[in-house]
C-alpha atoms as a PDB file:
ATOM      1  CA  MET A   1      -1.452  11.247 -24.332  1.00  0.00           C
ATOM      2  CA  SER A   2      -3.355   8.863 -22.028  1.00  0.00           C
ATOM      3  CA  MET A   3      -3.891   9.607 -18.370  1.00  0.00           C
ATOM      4  CA  GLN A   4      -1.798   6.555 -17.502  1.00  0.00           C
ATOM      5  CA  ALA A   5       1.137   7.978 -19.455  1.00  0.00           C
ATOM      6  CA  GLU A   6       0.761  11.349 -17.714  1.00  0.00           C
ATOM      7  CA  THR A   7       0.452   9.803 -14.259  1.00  0.00           C
ATOM      8  CA  LEU A   8       3.645   9.340 -12.255  1.00  0.00           C
ATOM      9  CA  VAL A   9       3.112   7.713  -8.882  1.00  0.00           C
ATOM     10  CA  VAL A  10       5.790   8.192  -6.228  1.00  0.00           C
ATOM     11  CA  ILE A  11       5.975   5.576  -3.475  1.00  0.00           C
ATOM     12  CA  GLY A  12       7.466   6.094  -0.020  1.00  0.00           C
ATOM     13  CA  GLY A  13       7.802   3.564   2.779  1.00  0.00           C
ATOM     14  CA  GLU A  14       9.571   0.372   3.705  1.00  0.00           C
ATOM     15  CA  ASN A  15      11.138  -2.360   1.618  1.00  0.00           C
ATOM     16  CA  LEU A  16      12.044  -5.605   3.335  1.00  0.00           C
ATOM     17  CA  ILE A  17      12.310  -9.357   3.098  1.00  0.00           C
ATOM     18  CA  ASP A  18       9.363 -11.439   4.264  1.00  0.00           C
ATOM     19  CA  SER A  19      10.901 -14.595   5.698  1.00  0.00           C
ATOM     20  CA  ILE A  20       7.806 -16.776   5.581  1.00  0.00           C
ATOM     21  CA  GLU A  21       7.469 -19.949   7.595  1.00  0.00           C
ATOM     22  CA  ASP A  22       7.666 -23.034   5.385  1.00  0.00           C
ATOM     23  CA  THR A  23       4.834 -25.379   6.289  1.00  0.00           C
ATOM     24  CA  SER A  24       5.792 -27.857   3.555  1.00  0.00           C
ATOM     25  CA  GLY A  25       9.240 -28.713   4.921  1.00  0.00           C
ATOM     26  CA  THR A  26      11.055 -27.957   1.654  1.00  0.00           C
ATOM     27  CA  ALA A  27      12.954 -24.751   2.528  1.00  0.00           C
ATOM     28  CA  PRO A  28      16.522 -25.448   3.756  1.00  0.00           C
ATOM     29  CA  ASP A  29      16.304 -23.042   6.706  1.00  0.00           C
ATOM     30  CA  GLY A  30      12.559 -23.400   7.341  1.00  0.00           C
ATOM     31  CA  PHE A  31      11.619 -20.125   5.638  1.00  0.00           C
ATOM     32  CA  PHE A  32      10.917 -18.826   2.151  1.00  0.00           C
ATOM     33  CA  HIS A  33      12.516 -15.399   1.696  1.00  0.00           C
ATOM     34  CA  ASN A  34      10.121 -13.229  -0.318  1.00  0.00           C
ATOM     35  CA  LEU A  35      10.373  -9.590  -1.309  1.00  0.00           C
ATOM     36  CA  GLY A  36       8.007  -7.335   0.593  1.00  0.00           C
ATOM     37  CA  GLY A  37       7.071  -4.249   2.520  1.00  0.00           C
ATOM     38  CA  SER A  38       3.611  -2.749   2.041  1.00  0.00           C
ATOM     39  CA  PRO A  39       4.621   0.345  -0.004  1.00  0.00           C
ATOM     40  CA  TYR A  40       7.142  -1.749  -1.962  1.00  0.00           C
ATOM     41  CA  ASN A  41       4.330  -4.159  -2.821  1.00  0.00           C
ATOM     42  CA  VAL A  42       2.164  -1.259  -3.972  1.00  0.00           C
ATOM     43  CA  ALA A  43       4.966  -0.134  -6.298  1.00  0.00           C
ATOM     44  CA  VAL A  44       5.271  -3.643  -7.772  1.00  0.00           C
ATOM     45  CA  ALA A  45       1.520  -3.951  -8.275  1.00  0.00           C
ATOM     46  CA  LEU A  46       1.354  -0.540  -9.955  1.00  0.00           C
ATOM     47  CA  GLY A  47       4.212  -1.433 -12.275  1.00  0.00           C
ATOM     48  CA  ARG A  48       2.433  -4.634 -13.276  1.00  0.00           C
ATOM     49  CA  GLN A  49      -0.670  -2.626 -14.123  1.00  0.00           C
ATOM     50  CA  GLY A  50       1.287  -0.324 -16.413  1.00  0.00           C
ATOM     51  CA  ILE A  51       1.434   2.768 -14.196  1.00  0.00           C
ATOM     52  CA  ALA A  52       4.654   4.814 -14.239  1.00  0.00           C
ATOM     53  CA  THR A  53       6.046   4.471 -10.723  1.00  0.00           C
ATOM     54  CA  HIS A  54       9.094   5.750  -8.848  1.00  0.00           C
ATOM     55  CA  TYR A  55      10.155   4.279  -5.502  1.00  0.00           C
ATOM     56  CA  ILE A  56      12.064   6.791  -3.380  1.00  0.00           C
ATOM     57  CA  THR A  57      12.965   4.836  -0.224  1.00  0.00           C
ATOM     58  CA  PRO A  58      16.632   3.798   0.132  1.00  0.00           C
ATOM     59  CA  ILE A  59      17.445   0.164  -0.670  1.00  0.00           C
ATOM     60  CA  SER A  60      20.370  -1.790   0.773  1.00  0.00           C
ATOM     61  CA  THR A  61      23.358  -2.854  -1.310  1.00  0.00           C
ATOM     62  CA  ASP A  62      23.364  -6.286   0.375  1.00  0.00           C
ATOM     63  CA  ALA A  63      22.172  -9.459  -1.363  1.00  0.00           C
ATOM     64  CA  PHE A  64      18.572  -9.018  -0.247  1.00  0.00           C
ATOM     65  CA  GLY A  65      18.661  -5.379  -1.330  1.00  0.00           C
ATOM     66  CA  GLN A  66      19.915  -6.341  -4.764  1.00  0.00           C
ATOM     67  CA  ARG A  67      17.001  -8.720  -5.144  1.00  0.00           C
ATOM     68  CA  LEU A  68      14.611  -5.941  -4.121  1.00  0.00           C
ATOM     69  CA  ALA A  69      16.076  -3.454  -6.602  1.00  0.00           C
ATOM     70  CA  ASP A  70      16.235  -5.964  -9.449  1.00  0.00           C
ATOM     71  CA  HIS A  71      12.606  -6.942  -8.929  1.00  0.00           C
ATOM     72  CA  LEU A  72      11.440  -3.332  -9.107  1.00  0.00           C
ATOM     73  CA  ALA A  73      13.343  -2.867 -12.341  1.00  0.00           C
ATOM     74  CA  GLY A  74      11.721  -6.003 -13.735  1.00  0.00           C
ATOM     75  CA  GLN A  75       8.280  -4.496 -13.144  1.00  0.00           C
ATOM     76  CA  GLY A  76       9.230  -1.212 -14.804  1.00  0.00           C
ATOM     77  CA  VAL A  77       9.485   0.656 -11.487  1.00  0.00           C
ATOM     78  CA  VAL A  78      12.259   3.243 -11.184  1.00  0.00           C
ATOM     79  CA  THR A  79      14.417   2.988  -8.057  1.00  0.00           C
ATOM     80  CA  ALA A  80      14.708   6.713  -7.418  1.00  0.00           C
ATOM     81  CA  GLY A  81      16.064   6.507  -3.865  1.00  0.00           C
ATOM     82  CA  PRO A  82      19.734   5.827  -3.048  1.00  0.00           C
ATOM     83  CA  ARG A  83      21.392   2.455  -2.437  1.00  0.00           C
ATOM     84  CA  LEU A  84      22.976   2.354   1.021  1.00  0.00           C
ATOM     85  CA  ASP A  85      25.551   0.109   2.702  1.00  0.00           C
ATOM     86  CA  ALA A  86      23.242  -0.882   5.558  1.00  0.00           C
ATOM     87  CA  PRO A  87      21.306  -4.122   5.975  1.00  0.00           C
ATOM     88  CA  THR A  88      17.868  -4.861   4.550  1.00  0.00           C
ATOM     89  CA  SER A  89      14.928  -4.903   6.951  1.00  0.00           C
ATOM     90  CA  GLN A  90      13.369  -8.294   7.572  1.00  0.00           C
ATOM     91  CA  ALA A  91       9.940  -9.507   8.631  1.00  0.00           C
ATOM     92  CA  ILE A  92       9.673 -12.957  10.154  1.00  0.00           C
ATOM     93  CA  VAL A  93       6.263 -14.209   9.032  1.00  0.00           C
ATOM     94  CA  THR A  94       4.509 -17.186  10.571  1.00  0.00           C
ATOM     95  CA  LEU A  95       1.128 -18.320   9.282  1.00  0.00           C
ATOM     96  CA  LYS A  96      -1.921 -19.061  11.426  1.00  0.00           C
ATOM     97  CA  ASP A  97      -4.796 -20.471   9.370  1.00  0.00           C
ATOM     98  CA  GLY A  98      -3.291 -18.794   6.300  1.00  0.00           C
ATOM     99  CA  VAL A  99      -3.169 -15.364   7.990  1.00  0.00           C
ATOM    100  CA  PRO A 100       0.312 -13.826   8.435  1.00  0.00           C
ATOM    101  CA  GLN A 101       1.717 -12.947  11.871  1.00  0.00           C
ATOM    102  CA  TYR A 102       4.742 -10.615  11.791  1.00  0.00           C
ATOM    103  CA  ARG A 103       7.949  -9.978  13.778  1.00  0.00           C
ATOM    104  CA  PHE A 104      10.190  -7.229  12.391  1.00  0.00           C
ATOM    105  CA  LEU A 105      13.957  -6.609  12.350  1.00  0.00           C
ATOM    106  CA  ARG A 106      14.375  -2.952  11.352  1.00  0.00           C
ATOM    107  CA  GLU A 107      17.016  -1.324  13.550  1.00  0.00           C
ATOM    108  CA  ALA A 108      19.696   0.634  11.608  1.00  0.00           C
ATOM    109  CA  THR A 109      18.515  -0.715   8.247  1.00  0.00           C
ATOM    110  CA  ALA A 110      18.798   1.025   4.883  1.00  0.00           C
ATOM    111  CA  GLU A 111      15.109   1.811   4.423  1.00  0.00           C
ATOM    112  CA  ARG A 112      15.046   3.808   7.653  1.00  0.00           C
ATOM    113  CA  MET A 113      18.069   5.991   6.868  1.00  0.00           C
ATOM    114  CA  ILE A 114      16.210   8.829   5.246  1.00  0.00           C
ATOM    115  CA  THR A 115      16.704  12.585   5.454  1.00  0.00           C
ATOM    116  CA  ALA A 116      14.473  15.391   4.260  1.00  0.00           C
ATOM    117  CA  PRO A 117      17.021  16.532   1.601  1.00  0.00           C
ATOM    118  CA  MET A 118      17.333  12.931   0.381  1.00  0.00           C
ATOM    119  CA  LEU A 119      13.583  12.621  -0.162  1.00  0.00           C
ATOM    120  CA  ARG A 120      13.359  15.990  -1.896  1.00  0.00           C
ATOM    121  CA  SER A 121      16.183  14.961  -4.226  1.00  0.00           C
ATOM    122  CA  ALA A 122      14.616  11.556  -4.986  1.00  0.00           C
ATOM    123  CA  PHE A 123      11.092  12.898  -5.606  1.00  0.00           C
ATOM    124  CA  PRO A 124      10.737  13.316  -9.397  1.00  0.00           C
ATOM    125  CA  PRO A 125       9.702  16.810 -10.541  1.00  0.00           C
ATOM    126  CA  ALA A 126       7.018  15.240 -12.741  1.00  0.00           C
ATOM    127  CA  GLY A 127       5.488  13.250  -9.860  1.00  0.00           C
ATOM    128  CA  THR A 128       1.690  13.564  -9.823  1.00  0.00           C
ATOM    129  CA  HIS A 129       0.793  11.296  -6.906  1.00  0.00           C
ATOM    130  CA  PHE A 130       2.469  10.386  -3.607  1.00  0.00           C
ATOM    131  CA  HIS A 131       1.608   7.192  -1.713  1.00  0.00           C
ATOM    132  CA  LEU A 132       2.808   6.535   1.832  1.00  0.00           C
ATOM    133  CA  GLY A 133       2.030   4.186   4.661  1.00  0.00           C
ATOM    134  CA  SER A 134       2.770   1.243   6.897  1.00  0.00           C
ATOM    135  CA  LEU A 135       6.001   0.884   8.896  1.00  0.00           C
ATOM    136  CA  ALA A 136       7.360   4.225   7.680  1.00  0.00           C
ATOM    137  CA  LEU A 137       4.931   5.876  10.098  1.00  0.00           C
ATOM    138  CA  ALA A 138       5.369   3.563  13.095  1.00  0.00           C
ATOM    139  CA  GLY A 139       7.785   5.813  14.984  1.00  0.00           C
ATOM    140  CA  GLY A 140      11.276   7.270  15.161  1.00  0.00           C
ATOM    141  CA  ASP A 141      12.945  10.155  13.365  1.00  0.00           C
ATOM    142  CA  ASP A 142      12.153   8.643   9.970  1.00  0.00           C
ATOM    143  CA  ALA A 143       8.403   8.707  10.684  1.00  0.00           C
ATOM    144  CA  ALA A 144       8.541  12.456  11.298  1.00  0.00           C
ATOM    145  CA  ILE A 145      10.497  12.987   8.060  1.00  0.00           C
ATOM    146  CA  TRP A 146       7.982  10.947   6.046  1.00  0.00           C
ATOM    147  CA  GLU A 147       5.109  12.891   7.595  1.00  0.00           C
ATOM    148  CA  GLU A 148       6.738  16.175   6.626  1.00  0.00           C
ATOM    149  CA  ALA A 149       7.231  14.961   3.049  1.00  0.00           C
ATOM    150  CA  PHE A 150       3.600  13.821   2.768  1.00  0.00           C
ATOM    151  CA  VAL A 151       2.230  17.124   4.044  1.00  0.00           C
ATOM    152  CA  ALA A 152       4.539  19.097   1.725  1.00  0.00           C
ATOM    153  CA  ALA A 153       3.355  17.074  -1.288  1.00  0.00           C
ATOM    154  CA  ALA A 154      -0.304  17.660  -0.428  1.00  0.00           C
ATOM    155  CA  GLN A 155       0.274  21.376   0.073  1.00  0.00           C
ATOM    156  CA  ALA A 156       1.976  21.511  -3.331  1.00  0.00           C
ATOM    157  CA  GLY A 157      -1.232  20.209  -4.939  1.00  0.00           C
ATOM    158  CA  ILE A 158      -0.004  16.644  -5.467  1.00  0.00           C
ATOM    159  CA  CYS A 159      -2.616  13.922  -5.053  1.00  0.00           C
ATOM    160  CA  THR A 160      -1.798  11.741  -2.029  1.00  0.00           C
ATOM    161  CA  SER A 161      -2.808   8.356  -0.662  1.00  0.00           C
ATOM    162  CA  LEU A 162      -2.398   6.903   2.808  1.00  0.00           C
ATOM    163  CA  ASP A 163      -2.558   3.294   3.995  1.00  0.00           C
ATOM    164  CA  PRO A 164      -1.749   2.984   7.727  1.00  0.00           C
ATOM    165  CA  ASN A 165      -1.383  -0.820   7.505  1.00  0.00           C
ATOM    166  CA  VAL A 166      -0.989  -0.855  11.285  1.00  0.00           C
ATOM    167  CA  ARG A 167       1.660  -3.160  12.745  1.00  0.00           C
ATOM    168  CA  ALA A 168       0.942  -2.801  16.454  1.00  0.00           C
ATOM    169  CA  SER A 169       4.026  -4.751  17.571  1.00  0.00           C
ATOM    170  CA  LEU A 170       6.250  -1.946  16.218  1.00  0.00           C
ATOM    171  CA  ILE A 171       4.347   0.955  17.743  1.00  0.00           C
ATOM    172  CA  ALA A 172       5.967   1.921  21.041  1.00  0.00           C
ATOM    173  CA  ASP A 173       3.755   4.980  21.608  1.00  0.00           C
ATOM    174  CA  PRO A 174       0.186   4.285  20.400  1.00  0.00           C
ATOM    175  CA  ASP A 175      -1.123   7.747  21.317  1.00  0.00           C
ATOM    176  CA  SER A 176       1.639   9.492  19.340  1.00  0.00           C
ATOM    177  CA  TYR A 177       1.078   7.148  16.406  1.00  0.00           C
ATOM    178  CA  ARG A 178      -2.680   7.723  16.367  1.00  0.00           C
ATOM    179  CA  ALA A 179      -2.063  11.481  16.485  1.00  0.00           C
ATOM    180  CA  ARG A 180       0.288  11.211  13.503  1.00  0.00           C
ATOM    181  CA  ILE A 181      -2.278   9.257  11.486  1.00  0.00           C
ATOM    182  CA  THR A 182      -4.949  11.824  12.375  1.00  0.00           C
ATOM    183  CA  ARG A 183      -2.712  14.642  11.116  1.00  0.00           C
ATOM    184  CA  LEU A 184      -1.984  12.753   7.901  1.00  0.00           C
ATOM    185  CA  LEU A 185      -5.686  12.088   7.333  1.00  0.00           C
ATOM    186  CA  GLY A 186      -6.083  15.836   7.019  1.00  0.00           C
ATOM    187  CA  HIS A 187      -3.698  15.866   4.035  1.00  0.00           C
ATOM    188  CA  ALA A 188      -4.707  12.654   2.258  1.00  0.00           C
ATOM    189  CA  SER A 189      -6.605  12.649  -1.030  1.00  0.00           C
ATOM    190  CA  ILE A 190      -7.249   8.888  -0.791  1.00  0.00           C
ATOM    191  CA  VAL A 191      -7.334   6.732   2.330  1.00  0.00           C
ATOM    192  CA  LYS A 192      -7.336   2.948   2.378  1.00  0.00           C
ATOM    193  CA  LEU A 193      -7.295   0.872   5.540  1.00  0.00           C
ATOM    194  CA  SER A 194      -8.394  -2.537   6.736  1.00  0.00           C
ATOM    195  CA  ASP A 195     -11.082  -3.340   9.276  1.00  0.00           C
ATOM    196  CA  GLU A 196      -8.285  -4.436  11.640  1.00  0.00           C
ATOM    197  CA  ASP A 197      -6.543  -1.058  11.174  1.00  0.00           C
ATOM    198  CA  LEU A 198      -9.808   0.725  11.901  1.00  0.00           C
ATOM    199  CA  GLU A 199     -10.396  -1.244  15.100  1.00  0.00           C
ATOM    200  CA  TRP A 200      -6.869  -0.510  16.363  1.00  0.00           C
ATOM    201  CA  LEU A 201      -6.954   3.191  15.465  1.00  0.00           C
ATOM    202  CA  TYR A 202     -10.342   3.767  17.108  1.00  0.00           C
ATOM    203  CA  PRO A 203     -10.470   1.417  20.116  1.00  0.00           C
ATOM    204  CA  GLY A 204     -13.793   0.927  21.828  1.00  0.00           C
ATOM    205  CA  LEU A 205     -15.868   2.057  18.852  1.00  0.00           C
ATOM    206  CA  SER A 206     -18.029  -0.044  16.580  1.00  0.00           C
ATOM    207  CA  GLN A 207     -17.019  -0.183  12.932  1.00  0.00           C
ATOM    208  CA  ASP A 208     -19.782   2.253  11.953  1.00  0.00           C
ATOM    209  CA  GLU A 209     -18.827   4.637  14.761  1.00  0.00           C
ATOM    210  CA  ALA A 210     -15.128   4.475  13.833  1.00  0.00           C
ATOM    211  CA  ILE A 211     -15.816   5.171  10.158  1.00  0.00           C
ATOM    212  CA  THR A 212     -17.964   8.147  11.110  1.00  0.00           C
ATOM    213  CA  VAL A 213     -15.106   9.575  13.190  1.00  0.00           C
ATOM    214  CA  LEU A 214     -12.551   8.898  10.449  1.00  0.00           C
ATOM    215  CA  LEU A 215     -14.690  10.547   7.769  1.00  0.00           C
ATOM    216  CA  GLY A 216     -14.895  13.607   9.995  1.00  0.00           C
ATOM    217  CA  GLN A 217     -11.089  13.743  10.281  1.00  0.00           C
ATOM    218  CA  THR A 218     -10.279  13.691   6.563  1.00  0.00           C
ATOM    219  CA  LYS A 219     -11.130  15.597   3.406  1.00  0.00           C
ATOM    220  CA  ALA A 220     -10.113  12.600   1.300  1.00  0.00           C
ATOM    221  CA  GLY A 221     -12.070  12.156  -1.917  1.00  0.00           C
ATOM    222  CA  ILE A 222     -12.146   8.387  -1.354  1.00  0.00           C
ATOM    223  CA  VAL A 223     -11.992   6.322   1.818  1.00  0.00           C
ATOM    224  CA  ALA A 224     -11.809   2.558   1.239  1.00  0.00           C
ATOM    225  CA  LEU A 225     -12.174  -0.121   3.922  1.00  0.00           C
ATOM    226  CA  THR A 226     -11.046  -3.662   3.147  1.00  0.00           C
ATOM    227  CA  LYS A 227     -12.647  -6.399   5.242  1.00  0.00           C
ATOM    228  CA  GLY A 228     -10.779  -9.585   4.366  1.00  0.00           C
ATOM    229  CA  PRO A 229     -13.260 -12.365   3.546  1.00  0.00           C
ATOM    230  CA  ASN A 230     -16.139  -9.871   3.773  1.00  0.00           C
ATOM    231  CA  GLY A 231     -15.151  -7.746   0.766  1.00  0.00           C
ATOM    232  CA  ALA A 232     -14.743  -3.979   0.923  1.00  0.00           C
ATOM    233  CA  GLU A 233     -16.594  -0.694   1.285  1.00  0.00           C
ATOM    234  CA  ALA A 234     -15.792   2.765  -0.027  1.00  0.00           C
ATOM    235  CA  TRP A 235     -17.034   6.295   0.523  1.00  0.00           C
ATOM    236  CA  ALA A 236     -16.647   9.186  -1.929  1.00  0.00           C
ATOM    237  CA  GLY A 237     -18.581  12.328  -1.110  1.00  0.00           C
ATOM    238  CA  ARG A 238     -22.204  11.216  -0.865  1.00  0.00           C
ATOM    239  CA  GLN A 239     -21.470   7.927  -2.607  1.00  0.00           C
ATOM    240  CA  HIS A 240     -21.119   4.697  -0.639  1.00  0.00           C
ATOM    241  CA  VAL A 241     -20.655   1.203  -2.042  1.00  0.00           C
ATOM    242  CA  SER A 242     -20.191  -2.174  -0.389  1.00  0.00           C
ATOM    243  CA  LEU A 243     -19.123  -5.239  -2.369  1.00  0.00           C
ATOM    244  CA  ALA A 244     -18.464  -8.887  -1.580  1.00  0.00           C
ATOM    245  CA  ASN A 245     -15.334 -10.659  -2.753  1.00  0.00           C
ATOM    246  CA  PRO A 246     -15.577 -12.478  -6.074  1.00  0.00           C
ATOM    247  CA  ALA A 247     -15.814 -16.253  -5.748  1.00  0.00           C
ATOM    248  CA  PHE A 248     -12.470 -18.013  -6.094  1.00  0.00           C
ATOM    249  CA  SER A 249     -10.812 -21.231  -4.989  1.00  0.00           C
ATOM    250  CA  GLY A 250      -7.264 -22.135  -4.052  1.00  0.00           C
ATOM    251  CA  LEU A 251      -6.540 -19.674  -1.235  1.00  0.00           C
ATOM    252  CA  VAL A 252      -2.802 -19.817  -0.463  1.00  0.00           C
ATOM    253  CA  ASP A 253      -2.332 -16.825   1.843  1.00  0.00           C
ATOM    254  CA  THR A 254      -3.399 -13.191   2.199  1.00  0.00           C
ATOM    255  CA  ILE A 255       0.053 -11.611   2.140  1.00  0.00           C
ATOM    256  CA  GLY A 256      -0.020  -8.446   0.020  1.00  0.00           C
ATOM    257  CA  ALA A 257      -3.769  -8.556  -0.611  1.00  0.00           C
ATOM    258  CA  GLY A 258      -4.369  -5.095   0.862  1.00  0.00           C
ATOM    259  CA  ASP A 259      -1.384  -3.664  -1.005  1.00  0.00           C
ATOM    260  CA  THR A 260      -2.697  -5.108  -4.259  1.00  0.00           C
ATOM    261  CA  PHE A 261      -6.110  -3.572  -3.547  1.00  0.00           C
ATOM    262  CA  MET A 262      -4.470  -0.192  -2.887  1.00  0.00           C
ATOM    263  CA  ALA A 263      -2.455  -0.267  -6.107  1.00  0.00           C
ATOM    264  CA  SER A 264      -5.459  -1.385  -8.130  1.00  0.00           C
ATOM    265  CA  LEU A 265      -7.510   1.476  -6.724  1.00  0.00           C
ATOM    266  CA  LEU A 266      -4.832   3.967  -7.815  1.00  0.00           C
ATOM    267  CA  ALA A 267      -4.441   2.326 -11.230  1.00  0.00           C
ATOM    268  CA  GLY A 268      -8.193   2.339 -11.734  1.00  0.00           C
ATOM    269  CA  LEU A 269      -8.368   6.042 -10.894  1.00  0.00           C
ATOM    270  CA  ALA A 270      -5.569   6.692 -13.388  1.00  0.00           C
ATOM    271  CA  GLU A 271      -7.535   4.831 -16.060  1.00  0.00           C
ATOM    272  CA  GLN A 272     -10.598   6.940 -15.276  1.00  0.00           C
ATOM    273  CA  GLY A 273      -8.529  10.126 -15.442  1.00  0.00           C
ATOM    274  CA  ARG A 274      -9.314  10.853 -11.798  1.00  0.00           C
ATOM    275  CA  LEU A 275      -6.007  10.395  -9.958  1.00  0.00           C
ATOM    276  CA  ALA A 276      -5.825  14.065  -8.996  1.00  0.00           C
ATOM    277  CA  GLN A 277      -7.025  16.123  -6.028  1.00  0.00           C
ATOM    278  CA  THR A 278      -9.539  18.077  -8.094  1.00  0.00           C
ATOM    279  CA  ALA A 279     -10.918  15.087 -10.016  1.00  0.00           C
ATOM    280  CA  LEU A 280     -11.913  12.880  -7.080  1.00  0.00           C
ATOM    281  CA  VAL A 281     -14.882  15.033  -6.060  1.00  0.00           C
ATOM    282  CA  ALA A 282     -16.861  14.130  -9.183  1.00  0.00           C
ATOM    283  CA  LEU A 283     -16.796  10.337  -8.784  1.00  0.00           C
ATOM    284  CA  THR A 284     -20.088   8.670  -9.619  1.00  0.00           C
ATOM    285  CA  GLU A 285     -21.487   5.613  -7.841  1.00  0.00           C
ATOM    286  CA  ASP A 286     -20.801   3.478 -10.913  1.00  0.00           C
ATOM    287  CA  GLU A 287     -17.183   4.655 -11.069  1.00  0.00           C
ATOM    288  CA  LEU A 288     -16.682   4.001  -7.356  1.00  0.00           C
ATOM    289  CA  THR A 289     -18.243   0.543  -7.700  1.00  0.00           C
ATOM    290  CA  LEU A 290     -15.896  -0.318 -10.567  1.00  0.00           C
ATOM    291  CA  LEU A 291     -12.885   0.847  -8.541  1.00  0.00           C
ATOM    292  CA  VAL A 292     -13.778  -1.319  -5.552  1.00  0.00           C
ATOM    293  CA  LYS A 293     -14.576  -4.294  -7.796  1.00  0.00           C
ATOM    294  CA  ARG A 294     -11.226  -3.921  -9.523  1.00  0.00           C
ATOM    295  CA  GLY A 295      -9.419  -3.817  -6.189  1.00  0.00           C
ATOM    296  CA  LEU A 296     -11.215  -6.888  -4.876  1.00  0.00           C
ATOM    297  CA  TYR A 297     -10.583  -8.939  -8.005  1.00  0.00           C
ATOM    298  CA  ALA A 298      -6.880  -8.070  -7.964  1.00  0.00           C
ATOM    299  CA  ALA A 299      -6.560  -8.774  -4.231  1.00  0.00           C
ATOM    300  CA  CYS A 300      -8.283 -12.163  -4.528  1.00  0.00           C
ATOM    301  CA  MET A 301      -6.118 -13.085  -7.524  1.00  0.00           C
ATOM    302  CA  ASN A 302      -3.083 -12.286  -5.380  1.00  0.00           C
ATOM    303  CA  CYS A 303      -4.386 -14.606  -2.649  1.00  0.00           C
ATOM    304  CA  THR A 304      -4.186 -17.612  -4.970  1.00  0.00           C
ATOM    305  CA  LYS A 305      -0.375 -17.336  -4.968  1.00  0.00           C
ATOM    306  CA  GLU A 306       2.289 -17.500  -2.288  1.00  0.00           C
ATOM    307  CA  GLY A 307       3.375 -14.143  -0.890  1.00  0.00           C
ATOM    308  CA  CYS A 308       2.639 -10.878  -2.662  1.00  0.00           C
ATOM    309  CA  ASP A 309       2.289 -11.686  -6.368  1.00  0.00           C
ATOM    310  CA  PRO A 310      -0.138  -9.145  -7.889  1.00  0.00           C
ATOM    311  CA  PRO A 311      -1.762  -9.749 -11.284  1.00  0.00           C
ATOM    312  CA  VAL A 312      -0.556  -8.061 -14.451  1.00  0.00           C
ATOM    313  CA  ALA A 313      -2.918  -5.666 -16.203  1.00  0.00           C
ATOM    314  CA  ALA A 314      -4.015  -8.124 -18.895  1.00  0.00           C
ATOM    315  CA  ALA A 315      -4.881 -10.876 -16.419  1.00  0.00           C
ATOM    316  CA  LEU A 316      -6.855  -8.480 -14.224  1.00  0.00           C
ATOM    317  CA  ALA A 317      -8.707  -7.052 -17.222  1.00  0.00           C
ATOM    318  CA  LYS A 318      -9.647 -10.564 -18.373  1.00  0.00           C
ATOM    319  CA  ALA A 319     -10.905 -11.563 -14.921  1.00  0.00           C
ATOM    320  CA  LEU A 320     -13.056  -8.431 -14.720  1.00  0.00           C
ATOM    321  CA  ARG A 321     -14.353  -8.966 -18.247  1.00  0.00           C
ATOM    322  CA  ASP A 322     -15.171 -12.639 -17.646  1.00  0.00           C
ATOM    323  CA  GLY A 323     -16.576 -12.005 -14.182  1.00  0.00           C
ATOM    324  CA  ARG A 324     -14.494 -14.742 -12.598  1.00  0.00           C
ATOM    325  CA  ILE A 325     -11.004 -15.443 -11.280  1.00  0.00           C
END
């Protein structure tokens, strides 16, 4: 049996609708309503790369929720969480020079109505990896429940990944949020964050200083830093690699680029047989380089399409083989 067949990634965190400003003037209400949410996007991208994936966050039974659930099913992702009669969360997205700016509507929505027993029931017994991040950790009772679930998974020997994907406008108590992220760093096997996340989490520090502090706060086997147009870096034990983005034309927007990178990193580790706590310590520089390259190619391919639209496995493999997008 292949490692991909044995791998079962469990995703926790928000699902929502990205209502994206229409700059073309063709949308009836001025917005395109796309499926989104950082962890949801990771689940979609993993499904497209052939990785068995279960999504355990509740999804609404409303019309938007049905679209969200149907899309997961179409990518081969199992909706393991319950369907609830509460509205779907929404992000109002306006674009500034192609870069998304967000305003969120998340009060009393389905994805936030979690309980500890609900998550334990939804988590598949065969789950081998748990990914969490983004709005799920911003604050409120649900953030504490997600934190507890993440720590419990790590203590049970399950490989874990964390992507803060900071949305500062939703963080009412920055000090409490930073403390939560610091605690989670201590239980993460893999950490991915953007340069903007790093700057917000460690205010007043240079990028090199902030990375040094972060690396001292985590035992993660891999820490990856995405830097938008400047590519990405990654650290694994004594290994460090820094790569530029592949050349490509036709930038549409960057929505979901980081999520696609995250999923591609996990899928690449699964292909290498290294998506496990004990396997990450033996990563070579060549393996780490290939992982970062894979993530960058997938993320840039996503950026040539509107919204989060990650590549399928065959298209990504061809781009990597040909050396071009």
